[in-house]
Amino acid sequence: MSPYDSDPADRLVTPAADGEDQAVEAALRPRQLDEFIGQERVREQLSLVLQAARQRGSAPDHVLLSGPPGLGKTTLSMIIAAELGAPIRITSGPAIQHAGDLAAILSSLTEGEVLFLDEIHRMSRPAEEMLYMAMEDFRVDVIVGKGPGATAIPLELPPFTLVGATTRAGLLPPPLRDRFGFTGHMEFYAPAELQRVVHRSAGLLDVEIDPAGAAEIAGRSRGTPRIANRLLRRVRDYAQVKHDGRVSREIAAQALDVYEVDARGLDRLDRAVLDALLRLFGGGPVGLSTLAVAVGEESETVEEVAEPFLVREGLLARTPRGRIATAAAWRHLGLTPPAQGGRIGASAQSELWGDGSDGGKAG
């Protein structure tokens, strides 16, 4: 087994929610818009949409929330329902594989109800086309029978508000995207905002934490509240078992070092990718598949799980010739770039790449 082996599903810094996250988030979620921390522009715009709808006494425009996972899209959908005083129905794109699945959900909605559709870009095409008419005209055509004898029966729907959430807004077809009256893009959080999130969650979890301890957790949370809350729970466990339960900067740092989350939020997989890129390949350029083999992972895991954060942090760059490390990567791992300025020599490139195909992706 490679010393770099790591199961992405077990990563403490993954923004995806597991069962424990979902249970804890239910208790930590704010209930009103003014309790929601961060996303100032989206909150202000959404507040105007909801207030205007309440004054008119009608359902607000459909809402599309986009952005990386873990930033609060589900929480905002629940807040929308709470602000409107309406019930909420929750489902997801992968769960709707047939138009009949969507018709069953839509036909059971009550007037003013909020329908939250997570990962909306993963809906099947027939259901997506049915949703166009439902969003615009509050009507769906239910097909009864097959072949020449099939009949379309129009079914009127009560006014409702669809809240769609997506991590891949670019995959939404324009006809669907255009039917949303309000689109809000969720941004990664600043450390100061995450510190407020940690303080609020610590109060709800009955964890005693000082500002420096909250700042330490926030600084390692990769700009994501879900990760901040997960790290807080692990630090709480460490402080409870190893100390008196109070979280200071020193305790938080010790705990997260145990869980292999460093000061910039990199975990073992992230550091393995950088370590292989720097030590084995002199900082690159090197092809994706070669880098993946070096760390004992699939190319898709390196590309989709590790690289986005490394690129966002300015530690790694994707180029047409392959992956290269930045000066910040050398500094972060405490290594000195080789004389070639962090690049492997031309002869080594030729030997490594051959014809440049790398057996996979280079850039």
Protein backbone atom coordinates (compact mmCIF):
# COMPACT_ATOMS: atom_id res chain seq x y z
CA MET A 1 0.00 0.00 0.00
CA SER A 2 1.27 3.45 -0.86
CA PRO A 3 2.11 5.69 2.10
CA TYR A 4 -0.11 8.26 0.43
CA ASP A 5 -3.23 6.04 0.33
CA SER A 6 -6.31 7.80 1.65
CA ASP A 7 -10.01 7.16 1.30
CA PRO A 8 -11.61 10.43 0.12
CA ALA A 9 -14.86 9.46 1.83
CA ASP A 10 -13.07 9.47 5.21
CA ARG A 11 -11.53 12.92 4.83
CA LEU A 12 -12.25 15.26 7.70
CA VAL A 13 -12.12 18.23 5.33
CA THR A 14 -14.52 16.95 2.69
CA PRO A 15 -17.35 19.46 2.12
CA ALA A 16 -19.85 16.64 1.48
CA ALA A 17 -22.22 15.80 4.33
CA ASP A 18 -22.31 12.37 5.94
CA GLY A 19 -24.95 11.00 8.29
CA GLU A 20 -23.41 12.56 11.38
CA ASP A 21 -23.14 15.95 9.69
CA GLN A 22 -26.79 15.88 8.66
CA ALA A 23 -27.91 15.07 12.20
CA VAL A 24 -25.79 17.78 13.81
CA GLU A 25 -26.56 20.39 11.14
CA ALA A 26 -30.26 20.02 11.87
CA ALA A 27 -29.58 21.28 15.40
CA LEU A 28 -27.10 23.99 14.37
CA ARG A 29 -29.01 25.53 11.46
CA PRO A 30 -30.23 29.11 11.93
CA ARG A 31 -33.99 29.50 11.63
CA GLN A 32 -34.24 33.10 10.39
CA LEU A 33 -32.40 35.09 7.74
CA ASP A 34 -30.92 37.55 10.24
CA GLU A 35 -29.35 34.60 12.12
CA PHE A 36 -27.55 33.35 9.02
CA ILE A 37 -23.85 34.23 9.09
CA GLY A 38 -21.99 35.28 5.95
CA GLN A 39 -23.15 35.56 2.33
CA GLU A 40 -24.07 39.21 2.90
CA ARG A 41 -24.98 40.01 -0.70
CA VAL A 42 -27.17 36.91 -1.15
CA ARG A 43 -28.90 37.53 2.19
CA GLU A 44 -29.67 41.15 1.34
CA GLN A 45 -31.02 40.32 -2.10
CA LEU A 46 -33.03 37.36 -0.83
CA SER A 47 -34.48 39.44 1.99
CA LEU A 48 -35.87 41.93 -0.54
CA VAL A 49 -37.42 39.12 -2.60
CA LEU A 50 -39.12 37.59 0.44
CA GLN A 51 -40.33 40.88 1.92
CA ALA A 52 -41.84 41.97 -1.39
CA ALA A 53 -43.62 38.62 -1.74
CA ARG A 54 -45.07 38.87 1.76
CA GLN A 55 -46.32 42.39 1.09
CA ARG A 56 -48.01 41.23 -2.12
CA GLY A 57 -49.42 38.17 -0.41
CA SER A 58 -48.14 35.90 -3.18
CA ALA A 59 -45.51 33.25 -3.65
CA PRO A 60 -42.05 34.68 -4.40
CA ASP A 61 -40.14 33.98 -7.58
CA HIS A 62 -38.36 30.66 -7.88
CA VAL A 63 -34.89 30.71 -6.32
CA LEU A 64 -31.68 29.12 -7.58
CA LEU A 65 -28.76 28.78 -5.13
CA SER A 66 -25.42 27.77 -6.59
CA GLY A 67 -21.98 27.23 -5.17
CA PRO A 68 -19.69 24.60 -3.66
CA PRO A 69 -21.08 22.13 -1.11
CA GLY A 70 -21.18 22.96 2.58
CA LEU A 71 -21.87 26.70 2.30
CA GLY A 72 -25.51 26.74 3.43
CA LYS A 73 -27.76 26.21 0.41
CA THR A 74 -30.01 23.74 2.23
CA THR A 75 -30.10 25.99 5.29
CA LEU A 76 -31.18 28.97 3.18
CA SER A 77 -33.97 26.93 1.60
CA MET A 78 -35.35 26.12 5.04
CA ILE A 79 -35.03 29.77 6.07
CA ILE A 80 -37.00 30.80 2.97
CA ALA A 81 -39.85 28.51 4.02
CA ALA A 82 -39.68 29.77 7.61
CA GLU A 83 -39.69 33.43 6.51
CA LEU A 84 -42.75 32.75 4.35
CA GLY A 85 -44.47 30.73 7.06
CA ALA A 86 -44.85 27.90 4.55
CA PRO A 87 -44.17 24.15 4.69
CA ILE A 88 -41.17 22.78 2.80
CA ARG A 89 -40.82 19.63 0.72
CA ILE A 90 -37.26 18.34 0.25
CA THR A 91 -36.05 16.10 -2.55
CA SER A 92 -33.07 15.86 -4.91
CA GLY A 93 -32.33 15.62 -8.60
CA PRO A 94 -30.97 12.05 -8.50
CA ALA A 95 -34.21 10.90 -6.82
CA ILE A 96 -36.29 12.15 -9.76
CA GLN A 97 -35.51 9.83 -12.65
CA HIS A 98 -38.91 9.83 -14.35
CA ALA A 99 -41.43 12.52 -15.18
CA GLY A 100 -43.98 10.57 -13.16
CA ASP A 101 -41.82 10.97 -10.04
CA LEU A 102 -41.92 14.73 -10.42
CA ALA A 103 -45.63 14.78 -11.27
CA ALA A 104 -46.40 12.90 -8.05
CA ILE A 105 -44.47 15.46 -5.99
CA LEU A 106 -45.92 18.51 -7.74
CA SER A 107 -49.49 17.28 -7.59
CA SER A 108 -49.29 16.90 -3.81
CA LEU A 109 -47.99 20.42 -3.11
CA THR A 110 -50.19 22.84 -1.21
CA GLU A 111 -50.56 26.53 -2.04
CA GLY A 112 -47.48 28.55 -1.13
CA GLU A 113 -45.42 25.47 -0.31
CA VAL A 114 -41.64 25.55 -0.86
CA LEU A 115 -40.16 22.71 -2.90
CA PHE A 116 -36.43 22.31 -2.32
CA LEU A 117 -34.70 20.42 -5.12
CA ASP A 118 -31.08 19.68 -4.25
CA GLU A 119 -28.54 18.90 -6.99
CA ILE A 120 -31.11 20.04 -9.52
CA HIS A 121 -28.64 19.62 -12.38
CA ARG A 122 -28.80 15.83 -11.92
CA MET A 123 -32.51 15.51 -12.78
CA SER A 124 -33.50 13.34 -15.72
CA ARG A 125 -34.31 15.14 -18.97
CA PRO A 126 -38.03 14.14 -19.11
CA ALA A 127 -38.57 15.42 -15.56
CA GLU A 128 -36.64 18.58 -16.37
CA GLU A 129 -38.90 19.33 -19.34
CA MET A 130 -41.99 18.80 -17.17
CA LEU A 131 -40.57 21.22 -14.64
CA TYR A 132 -40.44 24.03 -17.24
CA MET A 133 -44.23 24.20 -17.50
CA ALA A 134 -44.73 23.69 -13.78
CA MET A 135 -42.48 26.64 -12.91
CA GLU A 136 -43.88 28.99 -15.53
CA ASP A 137 -47.59 28.12 -15.76
CA PHE A 138 -48.16 26.07 -12.57
CA ARG A 139 -49.45 23.25 -14.72
CA VAL A 140 -48.25 19.84 -15.83
CA ASP A 141 -49.52 17.52 -18.55
CA VAL A 142 -49.90 13.95 -17.33
CA ILE A 143 -49.70 11.42 -20.17
CA VAL A 144 -52.20 8.59 -19.86
CA GLY A 145 -51.83 5.56 -22.10
CA LYS A 146 -49.22 4.70 -24.74
CA GLY A 147 -48.81 5.02 -28.47
CA PRO A 148 -51.45 6.65 -30.71
CA GLY A 149 -54.06 6.40 -27.96
CA ALA A 150 -52.03 8.34 -25.39
CA THR A 151 -53.80 11.37 -23.95
CA ALA A 152 -52.34 14.40 -22.18
CA ILE A 153 -54.42 15.44 -19.18
CA PRO A 154 -53.60 18.97 -17.92
CA LEU A 155 -53.22 19.17 -14.16
CA GLU A 156 -53.39 22.59 -12.52
CA LEU A 157 -50.95 23.22 -9.67
CA PRO A 158 -51.27 25.65 -6.77
CA PRO A 159 -48.72 28.49 -6.75
CA PHE A 160 -45.50 27.25 -5.13
CA THR A 161 -41.87 28.33 -4.84
CA LEU A 162 -39.13 26.12 -6.18
CA VAL A 163 -35.74 26.48 -4.52
CA GLY A 164 -33.11 24.73 -6.60
CA ALA A 165 -29.58 24.08 -5.35
CA THR A 166 -26.63 23.11 -7.49
CA THR A 167 -22.89 22.74 -7.18
CA ARG A 168 -22.55 22.79 -10.99
CA ALA A 169 -24.55 25.74 -12.28
CA GLY A 170 -22.92 25.42 -15.69
CA LEU A 171 -24.65 22.06 -16.20
CA LEU A 172 -28.12 23.59 -15.97
CA PRO A 173 -29.70 24.06 -19.41
CA PRO A 174 -30.51 27.72 -20.20
CA PRO A 175 -34.31 27.13 -20.41
CA LEU A 176 -34.32 25.88 -16.82
CA ARG A 177 -31.92 28.50 -15.51
CA ASP A 178 -33.95 31.31 -17.10
CA ARG A 179 -37.10 30.29 -15.22
CA PHE A 180 -35.61 31.22 -11.87
CA GLY A 181 -36.50 34.75 -10.84
CA PHE A 182 -33.63 35.02 -8.37
CA THR A 183 -30.18 33.42 -8.57
CA GLY A 184 -27.76 33.60 -5.68
CA HIS A 185 -24.17 32.40 -5.86
CA MET A 186 -22.68 31.25 -2.56
CA GLU A 187 -19.05 32.24 -1.96
CA PHE A 188 -16.45 30.67 0.29
CA TYR A 189 -16.38 32.23 3.76
CA ALA A 190 -13.72 34.57 5.10
CA PRO A 191 -11.89 33.43 8.28
CA ALA A 192 -13.62 36.10 10.37
CA GLU A 193 -17.05 34.84 9.22
CA LEU A 194 -16.09 31.25 9.98
CA GLN A 195 -14.93 32.31 13.42
CA ARG A 196 -18.44 33.62 14.09
CA VAL A 197 -19.87 30.32 12.82
CA VAL A 198 -17.60 28.38 15.19
CA HIS A 199 -18.57 30.58 18.16
CA ARG A 200 -22.27 30.15 17.42
CA SER A 201 -21.99 26.39 17.00
CA ALA A 202 -19.86 26.07 20.13
CA GLY A 203 -22.60 27.79 22.11
CA LEU A 204 -25.25 25.42 20.76
CA LEU A 205 -23.03 22.39 21.45
CA ASP A 206 -22.17 23.67 24.94
CA VAL A 207 -18.46 23.86 24.15
CA GLU A 208 -16.36 26.42 26.02
CA ILE A 209 -14.08 28.05 23.47
CA ASP A 210 -12.02 31.24 23.48
CA PRO A 211 -11.66 33.58 20.47
CA ALA A 212 -8.17 32.31 19.66
CA GLY A 213 -9.40 28.72 19.64
CA ALA A 214 -12.27 29.61 17.33
CA ALA A 215 -9.87 31.47 15.04
CA GLU A 216 -7.57 28.43 14.86
CA ILE A 217 -10.44 26.17 13.80
CA ALA A 218 -11.75 28.75 11.33
CA GLY A 219 -8.34 29.11 9.71
CA ARG A 220 -8.21 25.37 8.94
CA SER A 221 -11.78 25.07 7.66
CA ARG A 222 -11.17 25.79 3.96
CA GLY A 223 -13.75 28.57 3.86
CA THR A 224 -16.62 26.12 4.50
CA PRO A 225 -19.00 26.23 7.51
CA ARG A 226 -19.74 22.49 7.30
CA ILE A 227 -16.04 21.72 7.67
CA ALA A 228 -15.73 24.26 10.50
CA ASN A 229 -18.53 22.55 12.43
CA ARG A 230 -16.99 19.12 11.81
CA LEU A 231 -13.57 20.26 13.01
CA LEU A 232 -15.18 21.86 16.06
CA ARG A 233 -16.71 18.51 17.04
CA ARG A 234 -13.38 16.72 16.71
CA VAL A 235 -11.60 19.42 18.73
CA ARG A 236 -14.34 19.15 21.36
CA ASP A 237 -13.68 15.41 21.64
CA TYR A 238 -9.93 15.98 22.03
CA ALA A 239 -10.39 18.72 24.63
CA GLN A 240 -12.81 16.54 26.59
CA VAL A 241 -10.58 13.45 26.63
CA LYS A 242 -7.12 15.01 26.88
CA HIS A 243 -7.84 18.22 28.81
CA ASP A 244 -10.59 19.92 30.80
CA GLY A 245 -12.95 20.45 27.87
CA ARG A 246 -12.07 24.09 27.24
CA VAL A 247 -10.83 24.90 23.74
CA SER A 248 -7.91 27.31 23.39
CA ARG A 249 -5.69 27.96 20.38
CA GLU A 250 -3.12 25.47 21.66
CA ILE A 251 -5.72 22.77 22.27
CA ALA A 252 -7.33 23.32 18.85
CA ALA A 253 -3.95 23.16 17.10
CA GLN A 254 -2.97 19.97 18.95
CA ALA A 255 -6.29 18.33 18.15
CA LEU A 256 -6.21 19.15 14.46
CA ASP A 257 -2.61 18.04 14.21
CA VAL A 258 -3.76 14.66 15.51
CA TYR A 259 -6.38 14.57 12.75
CA GLU A 260 -3.73 15.62 10.18
CA VAL A 261 -5.34 18.93 9.21
CA ASP A 262 -2.59 21.52 8.94
CA ALA A 263 -2.61 25.27 9.45
CA ARG A 264 -3.90 25.96 5.91
CA GLY A 265 -6.54 23.24 6.01
CA LEU A 266 -4.62 20.68 3.97
CA ASP A 267 -5.09 17.06 4.98
CA ARG A 268 -3.03 13.95 4.25
CA LEU A 269 -4.25 13.56 0.66
CA ASP A 270 -3.57 17.21 -0.18
CA ARG A 271 -0.07 17.06 1.27
CA ALA A 272 0.58 13.72 -0.44
CA VAL A 273 -0.17 15.28 -3.83
CA LEU A 274 2.10 18.24 -3.13
CA ASP A 275 4.80 16.05 -1.62
CA ALA A 276 4.88 13.77 -4.67
CA LEU A 277 4.83 16.73 -7.04
CA LEU A 278 7.76 18.40 -5.26
CA ARG A 279 9.95 15.51 -4.14
CA LEU A 280 9.42 13.05 -6.98
CA PHE A 281 8.96 15.40 -9.91
CA GLY A 282 10.86 18.52 -8.87
CA GLY A 283 7.74 20.67 -8.89
CA GLY A 284 6.55 19.59 -12.34
CA PRO A 285 5.21 19.89 -14.91
CA VAL A 286 3.87 16.37 -14.61
CA GLY A 287 0.78 14.69 -16.05
CA LEU A 288 -2.29 13.98 -13.97
CA SER A 289 -2.24 10.20 -14.37
CA THR A 290 1.46 10.01 -13.44
CA LEU A 291 0.84 12.13 -10.34
CA ALA A 292 -2.14 9.96 -9.40
CA VAL A 293 -0.09 6.77 -9.67
CA ALA A 294 2.60 8.32 -7.49
CA VAL A 295 0.11 8.93 -4.66
CA GLY A 296 -1.75 5.63 -5.11
CA GLU A 297 -5.04 7.22 -6.11
CA GLU A 298 -7.31 7.28 -9.14
CA SER A 299 -6.84 10.22 -11.50
CA GLU A 300 -10.44 11.34 -10.84
CA THR A 301 -9.78 11.44 -7.09
CA VAL A 302 -6.73 13.67 -7.48
CA GLU A 303 -8.46 15.91 -10.03
CA GLU A 304 -11.83 16.28 -8.32
CA VAL A 305 -11.03 15.85 -4.62
CA ALA A 306 -7.56 17.27 -3.97
CA GLU A 307 -6.77 19.68 -6.79
CA PRO A 308 -9.63 22.23 -6.50
CA PHE A 309 -8.53 23.35 -3.04
CA LEU A 310 -4.83 23.27 -3.89
CA VAL A 311 -5.47 25.45 -6.96
CA ARG A 312 -7.68 27.84 -4.98
CA GLU A 313 -4.95 28.17 -2.35
CA GLY A 314 -2.37 28.97 -5.00
CA LEU A 315 -0.28 25.89 -4.24
CA LEU A 316 -0.74 24.09 -7.55
CA ALA A 317 -1.41 25.19 -11.12
CA ARG A 318 -2.92 23.29 -14.03
CA THR A 319 -1.18 23.99 -17.33
CA PRO A 320 -1.42 22.47 -20.82
CA ARG A 321 1.87 20.68 -20.13
CA GLY A 322 0.85 19.25 -16.75
CA ARG A 323 0.59 20.11 -13.06
CA ILE A 324 3.18 22.43 -11.56
CA ALA A 325 3.82 23.53 -8.00
CA THR A 326 3.97 27.19 -7.09
CA ALA A 327 6.53 28.89 -4.88
CA ALA A 328 3.94 28.85 -2.08
CA ALA A 329 3.85 25.04 -2.23
CA TRP A 330 7.60 24.79 -1.69
CA ARG A 331 7.36 27.18 1.25
CA HIS A 332 4.39 25.38 2.77
CA LEU A 333 6.20 22.03 2.87
CA GLY A 334 9.44 23.68 3.97
CA LEU A 335 11.36 22.55 0.89
CA THR A 336 13.88 24.35 -1.28
CA PRO A 337 13.19 24.47 -5.03
CA PRO A 338 15.85 22.81 -7.21
CA ALA A 339 18.23 24.85 -9.32
CA GLN A 340 15.89 24.60 -12.32
CA GLY A 341 13.45 26.82 -10.46
CA GLY A 342 11.07 24.05 -9.46
CA ARG A 343 10.85 22.35 -12.85
CA ILE A 344 12.23 18.99 -13.90
CA GLY A 345 14.74 19.16 -16.74
CA ALA A 346 13.90 18.75 -20.41
CA SER A 347 15.47 15.27 -20.63
CA ALA A 348 13.48 14.14 -17.60
CA GLN A 349 10.32 15.57 -19.14
CA SER A 350 10.94 13.63 -22.34
CA GLU A 351 11.60 10.42 -20.44
CA LEU A 352 8.54 10.92 -18.22
CA TRP A 353 6.03 11.99 -20.88
CA GLY A 354 7.29 10.20 -23.98
CA ASP A 355 5.07 11.66 -26.70
CA GLY A 356 3.37 13.97 -24.22
CA SER A 357 0.20 11.89 -23.87
CA ASP A 358 1.07 10.67 -20.34
CA GLY A 359 -1.42 7.88 -20.84
CA GLY A 360 -4.08 10.27 -19.58
CA LYS A 361 -4.60 13.94 -18.89
CA ALA A 362 -1.68 16.31 -18.81
CA GLY A 363 -3.39 19.60 -18.15
